[in-house]
């Protein structure tokens, strides 16, 4: 049984964007929002405001590649994808 991975994007309270991958985006967002040790270091320093994007990708390998490409985009390009 293989898991389905998702690319998700969180907007922080200061307007920054954080992208990540997960199999359960709701659970992962709650980990980020709670500020727990499982939260990404960036999101512990810049608290999340809202989940703004969530897309089913498929395999973990493909999700990692998509995340890498997304993170290399300019902020205006990222905003265009989110819209």
PDB file of N, CA and C in Angstrom:
ATOM      1  N   UNK A   1       0.854  -1.194   0.000  1.00  0.00           N
ATOM      2  CA  UNK A   1       0.000   0.000   0.000  1.00  0.00           C
ATOM      3  C   UNK A   1       0.888   1.240   0.000  1.00  0.00           C
ATOM      4  N   UNK A   2       0.751   2.095  -0.995  1.00  0.00           N
ATOM      5  CA  UNK A   2       1.547   3.318  -1.030  1.00  0.00           C
ATOM      6  C   UNK A   2       0.682   4.496  -0.603  1.00  0.00           C
ATOM      7  N   UNK A   3       1.323   5.439   0.028  1.00  0.00           N
ATOM      8  CA  UNK A   3       0.632   6.625   0.523  1.00  0.00           C
ATOM      9  C   UNK A   3       0.523   7.656  -0.607  1.00  0.00           C
ATOM     10  N   UNK A   4      -0.499   8.477  -0.543  1.00  0.00           N
ATOM     11  CA  UNK A   4      -0.633   9.584  -1.482  1.00  0.00           C
ATOM     12  C   UNK A   4      -0.097  10.833  -0.805  1.00  0.00           C
ATOM     13  N   UNK A   5       0.863  11.460  -1.442  1.00  0.00           N
ATOM     14  CA  UNK A   5       1.500  12.658  -0.892  1.00  0.00           C
ATOM     15  C   UNK A   5       0.891  13.906  -1.508  1.00  0.00           C
ATOM     16  N   UNK A   6       0.915  14.986  -0.728  1.00  0.00           N
ATOM     17  CA  UNK A   6       0.360  16.272  -1.134  1.00  0.00           C
ATOM     18  C   UNK A   6       1.421  17.355  -0.969  1.00  0.00           C
ATOM     19  N   UNK A   7       1.358  18.360  -1.831  1.00  0.00           N
ATOM     20  CA  UNK A   7       2.117  19.590  -1.639  1.00  0.00           C
ATOM     21  C   UNK A   7       1.157  20.561  -0.989  1.00  0.00           C
ATOM     22  N   UNK A   8       1.591  21.204   0.086  1.00  0.00           N
ATOM     23  CA  UNK A   8       0.743  22.201   0.725  1.00  0.00           C
ATOM     24  C   UNK A   8       1.543  23.472   0.946  1.00  0.00           C
ATOM     25  N   UNK A   9       0.831  24.598   1.013  1.00  0.00           N
ATOM     26  CA  UNK A   9       1.467  25.893   1.235  1.00  0.00           C
ATOM     27  C   UNK A   9       0.718  26.608   2.358  1.00  0.00           C
ATOM     28  N   UNK A  10       1.491  27.121   3.304  1.00  0.00           N
ATOM     29  CA  UNK A  10       0.952  27.839   4.457  1.00  0.00           C
ATOM     30  C   UNK A  10       1.395  29.295   4.364  1.00  0.00           C
ATOM     31  N   UNK A  11       0.460  30.209   4.600  1.00  0.00           N
ATOM     32  CA  UNK A  11       0.812  31.635   4.696  1.00  0.00           C
ATOM     33  C   UNK A  11       0.983  31.964   6.180  1.00  0.00           C
ATOM     34  N   UNK A  12       2.074  32.657   6.504  1.00  0.00           N
ATOM     35  CA  UNK A  12       2.347  33.001   7.899  1.00  0.00           C
ATOM     36  C   UNK A  12       1.713  34.347   8.237  1.00  0.00           C
ATOM     37  N   UNK A  13       1.739  34.697   9.521  1.00  0.00           N
ATOM     38  CA  UNK A  13       1.135  35.960   9.948  1.00  0.00           C
ATOM     39  C   UNK A  13       1.834  37.166   9.325  1.00  0.00           C
ATOM     40  N   UNK A  14       3.109  37.019   8.948  1.00  0.00           N
ATOM     41  CA  UNK A  14       3.807  38.153   8.319  1.00  0.00           C
ATOM     42  C   UNK A  14       3.750  38.109   6.790  1.00  0.00           C
ATOM     43  N   UNK A  15       2.965  37.175   6.222  1.00  0.00           N
ATOM     44  CA  UNK A  15       2.765  37.112   4.780  1.00  0.00           C
ATOM     45  C   UNK A  15       3.720  36.210   4.031  1.00  0.00           C
ATOM     46  N   UNK A  16       4.678  35.607   4.719  1.00  0.00           N
ATOM     47  CA  UNK A  16       5.598  34.673   4.064  1.00  0.00           C
ATOM     48  C   UNK A  16       4.850  33.400   3.679  1.00  0.00           C
ATOM     49  N   UNK A  17       5.437  32.654   2.754  1.00  0.00           N
ATOM     50  CA  UNK A  17       4.863  31.378   2.337  1.00  0.00           C
ATOM     51  C   UNK A  17       5.803  30.252   2.743  1.00  0.00           C
ATOM     52  N   UNK A  18       5.225  29.158   3.214  1.00  0.00           N
ATOM     53  CA  UNK A  18       5.986  27.959   3.571  1.00  0.00           C
ATOM     54  C   UNK A  18       5.378  26.786   2.818  1.00  0.00           C
ATOM     55  N   UNK A  19       6.200  26.046   2.086  1.00  0.00           N
ATOM     56  CA  UNK A  19       5.720  24.879   1.344  1.00  0.00           C
ATOM     57  C   UNK A  19       6.267  23.614   1.981  1.00  0.00           C
ATOM     58  N   UNK A  20       5.454  22.573   1.974  1.00  0.00           N
ATOM     59  CA  UNK A  20       5.888  21.287   2.498  1.00  0.00           C
ATOM     60  C   UNK A  20       5.100  20.172   1.840  1.00  0.00           C
ATOM     61  N   UNK A  21       5.463  18.942   2.191  1.00  0.00           N
ATOM     62  CA  UNK A  21       4.733  17.779   1.692  1.00  0.00           C
ATOM     63  C   UNK A  21       4.288  16.936   2.879  1.00  0.00           C
ATOM     64  N   UNK A  22       3.176  16.250   2.699  1.00  0.00           N
ATOM     65  CA  UNK A  22       2.640  15.407   3.765  1.00  0.00           C
ATOM     66  C   UNK A  22       1.620  14.440   3.174  1.00  0.00           C
ATOM     67  N   UNK A  23       1.365  13.369   3.911  1.00  0.00           N
ATOM     68  CA  UNK A  23       0.311  12.441   3.503  1.00  0.00           C
ATOM     69  C   UNK A  23      -1.021  12.835   4.134  1.00  0.00           C
ATOM     70  N   UNK A  24      -0.977  13.537   5.260  1.00  0.00           N
ATOM     71  CA  UNK A  24      -2.174  14.003   5.943  1.00  0.00           C
ATOM     72  C   UNK A  24      -1.979  15.493   6.221  1.00  0.00           C
ATOM     73  N   UNK A  25      -2.455  16.323   5.314  1.00  0.00           N
ATOM     74  CA  UNK A  25      -2.198  17.759   5.385  1.00  0.00           C
ATOM     75  C   UNK A  25      -2.865  18.390   6.605  1.00  0.00           C
ATOM     76  N   UNK A  26      -4.071  17.968   6.942  1.00  0.00           N
ATOM     77  CA  UNK A  26      -4.759  18.522   8.111  1.00  0.00           C
ATOM     78  C   UNK A  26      -3.974  18.297   9.393  1.00  0.00           C
ATOM     79  N   UNK A  27      -3.490  17.077   9.574  1.00  0.00           N
ATOM     80  CA  UNK A  27      -2.698  16.761  10.765  1.00  0.00           C
ATOM     81  C   UNK A  27      -1.405  17.566  10.770  1.00  0.00           C
ATOM     82  N   UNK A  28      -0.755  17.655   9.603  1.00  0.00           N
ATOM     83  CA  UNK A  28       0.525  18.369   9.521  1.00  0.00           C
ATOM     84  C   UNK A  28       0.326  19.853   9.813  1.00  0.00           C
ATOM     85  N   UNK A  29      -0.745  20.436   9.296  1.00  0.00           N
ATOM     86  CA  UNK A  29      -1.010  21.851   9.571  1.00  0.00           C
ATOM     87  C   UNK A  29      -1.241  22.065  11.071  1.00  0.00           C
ATOM     88  N   UNK A  30      -1.958  21.157  11.703  1.00  0.00           N
ATOM     89  CA  UNK A  30      -2.186  21.279  13.150  1.00  0.00           C
ATOM     90  C   UNK A  30      -0.867  21.204  13.920  1.00  0.00           C
ATOM     91  N   UNK A  31       0.056  20.360  13.476  1.00  0.00           N
ATOM     92  CA  UNK A  31       1.376  20.298  14.115  1.00  0.00           C
ATOM     93  C   UNK A  31       2.084  21.638  13.984  1.00  0.00           C
ATOM     94  N   UNK A  32       2.012  22.235  12.795  1.00  0.00           N
ATOM     95  CA  UNK A  32       2.630  23.548  12.590  1.00  0.00           C
ATOM     96  C   UNK A  32       1.949  24.608  13.456  1.00  0.00           C
ATOM     97  N   UNK A  33       0.624  24.615  13.463  1.00  0.00           N
ATOM     98  CA  UNK A  33      -0.138  25.638  14.180  1.00  0.00           C
ATOM     99  C   UNK A  33       0.061  25.562  15.687  1.00  0.00           C
ATOM    100  N   UNK A  34       0.279  24.351  16.200  1.00  0.00           N
ATOM    101  CA  UNK A  34       0.439  24.188  17.646  1.00  0.00           C
ATOM    102  C   UNK A  34       1.813  24.633  18.127  1.00  0.00           C
ATOM    103  N   UNK A  35       2.764  24.760  17.193  1.00  0.00           N
ATOM    104  CA  UNK A  35       4.113  25.147  17.585  1.00  0.00           C
ATOM    105  C   UNK A  35       4.871  24.035  18.291  1.00  0.00           C
ATOM    106  N   UNK A  36       4.408  22.801  18.129  1.00  0.00           N
ATOM    107  CA  UNK A  36       5.047  21.667  18.795  1.00  0.00           C
ATOM    108  C   UNK A  36       6.433  21.398  18.213  1.00  0.00           C
ATOM    109  N   UNK A  37       7.145  20.484  18.828  1.00  0.00           N
ATOM    110  CA  UNK A  37       8.475  20.126  18.337  1.00  0.00           C
ATOM    111  C   UNK A  37       8.422  19.528  16.937  1.00  0.00           C
ATOM    112  N   UNK A  38       7.273  19.006  16.539  1.00  0.00           N
ATOM    113  CA  UNK A  38       7.129  18.446  15.201  1.00  0.00           C
ATOM    114  C   UNK A  38       6.910  19.530  14.143  1.00  0.00           C
ATOM    115  N   UNK A  39       6.619  20.740  14.572  1.00  0.00           N
ATOM    116  CA  UNK A  39       6.409  21.845  13.634  1.00  0.00           C
ATOM    117  C   UNK A  39       7.735  22.210  12.974  1.00  0.00           C
ATOM    118  N   UNK A  40       7.670  22.682  11.743  1.00  0.00           N
ATOM    119  CA  UNK A  40       8.872  23.130  11.046  1.00  0.00           C
ATOM    120  C   UNK A  40       9.475  24.311  11.805  1.00  0.00           C
ATOM    121  N   UNK A  41      10.783  24.354  11.872  1.00  0.00           N
ATOM    122  CA  UNK A  41      11.479  25.432  12.593  1.00  0.00           C
ATOM    123  C   UNK A  41      11.044  26.806  12.080  1.00  0.00           C
ATOM    124  N   UNK A  42      10.920  26.947  10.751  1.00  0.00           N
ATOM    125  CA  UNK A  42      10.498  28.213  10.161  1.00  0.00           C
ATOM    126  C   UNK A  42       9.131  28.638  10.704  1.00  0.00           C
ATOM    127  N   UNK A  43       8.221  27.679  10.860  1.00  0.00           N
ATOM    128  CA  UNK A  43       6.868  28.016  11.312  1.00  0.00           C
ATOM    129  C   UNK A  43       6.785  28.173  12.833  1.00  0.00           C
ATOM    130  N   UNK A  44       7.779  27.717  13.561  1.00  0.00           N
ATOM    131  CA  UNK A  44       7.815  28.023  14.991  1.00  0.00           C
ATOM    132  C   UNK A  44       8.215  29.481  15.176  1.00  0.00           C
ATOM    133  N   UNK A  45       9.072  29.992  14.286  1.00  0.00           N
ATOM    134  CA  UNK A  45       9.515  31.390  14.352  1.00  0.00           C
ATOM    135  C   UNK A  45       8.526  32.338  13.680  1.00  0.00           C
ATOM    136  N   UNK A  46       7.796  31.845  12.685  1.00  0.00           N
ATOM    137  CA  UNK A  46       6.829  32.646  11.920  1.00  0.00           C
ATOM    138  C   UNK A  46       5.495  31.911  11.947  1.00  0.00           C
ATOM    139  N   UNK A  47       4.671  32.164  12.942  1.00  0.00           N
ATOM    140  CA  UNK A  47       3.446  31.373  13.120  1.00  0.00           C
ATOM    141  C   UNK A  47       2.544  31.359  11.883  1.00  0.00           C
ATOM    142  N   UNK A  48       1.965  30.199  11.592  1.00  0.00           N
ATOM    143  CA  UNK A  48       1.079  30.100  10.432  1.00  0.00           C
ATOM    144  C   UNK A  48      -0.237  30.839  10.644  1.00  0.00           C
ATOM    145  N   UNK A  49      -0.726  31.421   9.561  1.00  0.00           N
ATOM    146  CA  UNK A  49      -2.021  32.109   9.585  1.00  0.00           C
ATOM    147  C   UNK A  49      -3.096  31.233   8.961  1.00  0.00           C
ATOM    148  N   UNK A  50      -2.781  30.654   7.773  1.00  0.00           N
ATOM    149  CA  UNK A  50      -3.766  29.813   7.092  1.00  0.00           C
ATOM    150  C   UNK A  50      -3.111  28.893   6.079  1.00  0.00           C
ATOM    151  N   UNK A  51      -3.789  27.800   5.808  1.00  0.00           N
ATOM    152  CA  UNK A  51      -3.394  26.884   4.740  1.00  0.00           C
ATOM    153  C   UNK A  51      -3.988  27.452   3.457  1.00  0.00           C
ATOM    154  N   UNK A  52      -3.144  27.809   2.502  1.00  0.00           N
ATOM    155  CA  UNK A  52      -3.639  28.486   1.300  1.00  0.00           C
ATOM    156  C   UNK A  52      -3.617  27.622   0.048  1.00  0.00           C
ATOM    157  N   UNK A  53      -2.970  26.451   0.109  1.00  0.00           N
ATOM    158  CA  UNK A  53      -2.875  25.606  -1.079  1.00  0.00           C
ATOM    159  C   UNK A  53      -2.663  24.163  -0.651  1.00  0.00           C
ATOM    160  N   UNK A  54      -3.311  23.253  -1.335  1.00  0.00           N
ATOM    161  CA  UNK A  54      -3.161  21.824  -1.055  1.00  0.00           C
ATOM    162  C   UNK A  54      -3.452  21.086  -2.354  1.00  0.00           C
ATOM    163  N   UNK A  55      -2.457  20.340  -2.864  1.00  0.00           N
ATOM    164  CA  UNK A  55      -2.636  19.619  -4.119  1.00  0.00           C
ATOM    165  C   UNK A  55      -2.113  18.205  -3.982  1.00  0.00           C
ATOM    166  N   UNK A  56      -2.915  17.257  -4.388  1.00  0.00           N
ATOM    167  CA  UNK A  56      -2.507  15.844  -4.381  1.00  0.00           C
ATOM    168  C   UNK A  56      -1.446  15.644  -5.454  1.00  0.00           C
ATOM    169  N   UNK A  57      -0.328  15.010  -5.069  1.00  0.00           N
ATOM    170  CA  UNK A  57       0.772  14.808  -6.011  1.00  0.00           C
ATOM    171  C   UNK A  57       0.924  13.344  -6.382  1.00  0.00           C
ATOM    172  N   UNK A  58       0.937  12.459  -5.410  1.00  0.00           N
ATOM    173  CA  UNK A  58       1.112  11.034  -5.690  1.00  0.00           C
ATOM    174  C   UNK A  58       2.214  10.453  -4.833  1.00  0.00           C
ATOM    175  N   UNK A  59       3.290  10.018  -5.464  1.00  0.00           N
ATOM    176  CA  UNK A  59       4.379   9.372  -4.730  1.00  0.00           C
ATOM    177  C   UNK A  59       5.219  10.391  -3.944  1.00  0.00           C
ATOM    178  N   UNK A  60       5.907   9.904  -2.943  1.00  0.00           N
ATOM    179  CA  UNK A  60       6.780  10.769  -2.141  1.00  0.00           C
ATOM    180  C   UNK A  60       7.897  11.352  -3.010  1.00  0.00           C
ATOM    181  N   UNK A  61       8.452  10.529  -3.865  1.00  0.00           N
ATOM    182  CA  UNK A  61       9.531  10.970  -4.744  1.00  0.00           C
ATOM    183  C   UNK A  61       9.080  12.138  -5.630  1.00  0.00           C
ATOM    184  N   UNK A  62       7.920  12.011  -6.232  1.00  0.00           N
ATOM    185  CA  UNK A  62       7.402  13.079  -7.080  1.00  0.00           C
ATOM    186  C   UNK A  62       7.071  14.312  -6.244  1.00  0.00           C
ATOM    187  N   UNK A  63       6.498  14.117  -5.071  1.00  0.00           N
ATOM    188  CA  UNK A  63       6.154  15.243  -4.195  1.00  0.00           C
ATOM    189  C   UNK A  63       7.401  16.025  -3.798  1.00  0.00           C
ATOM    190  N   UNK A  64       8.492  15.335  -3.510  1.00  0.00           N
ATOM    191  CA  UNK A  64       9.744  16.015  -3.163  1.00  0.00           C
ATOM    192  C   UNK A  64      10.252  16.849  -4.336  1.00  0.00           C
ATOM    193  N   UNK A  65      10.130  16.320  -5.540  1.00  0.00           N
ATOM    194  CA  UNK A  65      10.571  17.055  -6.730  1.00  0.00           C
ATOM    195  C   UNK A  65       9.709  18.292  -6.963  1.00  0.00           C
ATOM    196  N   UNK A  66       8.392  18.143  -6.808  1.00  0.00           N
ATOM    197  CA  UNK A  66       7.478  19.271  -7.001  1.00  0.00           C
ATOM    198  C   UNK A  66       7.728  20.339  -5.937  1.00  0.00           C
ATOM    199  N   UNK A  67       7.931  19.911  -4.687  1.00  0.00           N
ATOM    200  CA  UNK A  67       8.217  20.853  -3.601  1.00  0.00           C
ATOM    201  C   UNK A  67       9.497  21.636  -3.906  1.00  0.00           C
ATOM    202  N   UNK A  68      10.535  20.950  -4.351  1.00  0.00           N
ATOM    203  CA  UNK A  68      11.805  21.599  -4.674  1.00  0.00           C
ATOM    204  C   UNK A  68      11.608  22.653  -5.754  1.00  0.00           C
ATOM    205  N   UNK A  69      10.887  22.288  -6.822  1.00  0.00           N
ATOM    206  CA  UNK A  69      10.638  23.242  -7.913  1.00  0.00           C
ATOM    207  C   UNK A  69       9.818  24.438  -7.426  1.00  0.00           C
ATOM    208  N   UNK A  70       8.798  24.168  -6.602  1.00  0.00           N
ATOM    209  CA  UNK A  70       7.946  25.248  -6.086  1.00  0.00           C
ATOM    210  C   UNK A  70       8.772  26.223  -5.249  1.00  0.00           C
ATOM    211  N   UNK A  71       9.620  25.687  -4.374  1.00  0.00           N
ATOM    212  CA  UNK A  71      10.409  26.540  -3.483  1.00  0.00           C
ATOM    213  C   UNK A  71      11.398  27.420  -4.241  1.00  0.00           C
ATOM    214  N   UNK A  72      11.771  27.058  -5.437  1.00  0.00           N
ATOM    215  CA  UNK A  72      12.714  27.841  -6.235  1.00  0.00           C
ATOM    216  C   UNK A  72      12.040  28.970  -7.019  1.00  0.00           C
ATOM    217  N   UNK A  73      10.716  28.994  -7.033  1.00  0.00           N
ATOM    218  CA  UNK A  73       9.982  30.042  -7.746  1.00  0.00           C
ATOM    219  C   UNK A  73      10.054  31.364  -6.993  1.00  0.00           C
ATOM    220  N   UNK A  74       9.823  32.453  -7.725  1.00  0.00           N
ATOM    221  CA  UNK A  74       9.730  33.769  -7.083  1.00  0.00           C
ATOM    222  C   UNK A  74       8.406  33.858  -6.333  1.00  0.00           C
ATOM    223  N   UNK A  75       8.316  34.784  -5.396  1.00  0.00           N
ATOM    224  CA  UNK A  75       7.076  34.913  -4.634  1.00  0.00           C
ATOM    225  C   UNK A  75       5.885  35.249  -5.547  1.00  0.00           C
ATOM    226  N   UNK A  76       6.038  36.163  -6.523  1.00  0.00           N
ATOM    227  CA  UNK A  76       4.893  36.416  -7.426  1.00  0.00           C
ATOM    228  C   UNK A  76       4.436  35.158  -8.179  1.00  0.00           C
ATOM    229  N   UNK A  77       5.380  34.309  -8.584  1.00  0.00           N
ATOM    230  CA  UNK A  77       5.007  33.073  -9.266  1.00  0.00           C
ATOM    231  C   UNK A  77       4.292  32.113  -8.312  1.00  0.00           C
ATOM    232  N   UNK A  78       4.763  32.038  -7.065  1.00  0.00           N
ATOM    233  CA  UNK A  78       4.099  31.199  -6.068  1.00  0.00           C
ATOM    234  C   UNK A  78       2.674  31.688  -5.821  1.00  0.00           C
ATOM    235  N   UNK A  79       2.513  33.015  -5.697  1.00  0.00           N
ATOM    236  CA  UNK A  79       1.175  33.592  -5.477  1.00  0.00           C
ATOM    237  C   UNK A  79       0.248  33.275  -6.649  1.00  0.00           C
ATOM    238  N   UNK A  80       0.778  33.295  -7.876  1.00  0.00           N
ATOM    239  CA  UNK A  80      -0.035  32.985  -9.046  1.00  0.00           C
ATOM    240  C   UNK A  80      -0.521  31.537  -9.009  1.00  0.00           C
ATOM    241  N   UNK A  81       0.337  30.622  -8.573  1.00  0.00           N
ATOM    242  CA  UNK A  81      -0.052  29.215  -8.467  1.00  0.00           C
ATOM    243  C   UNK A  81      -1.120  29.043  -7.394  1.00  0.00           C
ATOM    244  N   UNK A  82      -0.967  29.726  -6.275  1.00  0.00           N
ATOM    245  CA  UNK A  82      -1.940  29.626  -5.187  1.00  0.00           C
ATOM    246  C   UNK A  82      -3.314  30.115  -5.637  1.00  0.00           C
ATOM    247  N   UNK A  83      -3.331  31.188  -6.436  1.00  0.00           N
ATOM    248  CA  UNK A  83      -4.609  31.712  -6.934  1.00  0.00           C
ATOM    249  C   UNK A  83      -5.216  30.736  -7.909  1.00  0.00           C
TER     250      UNK A  83
END
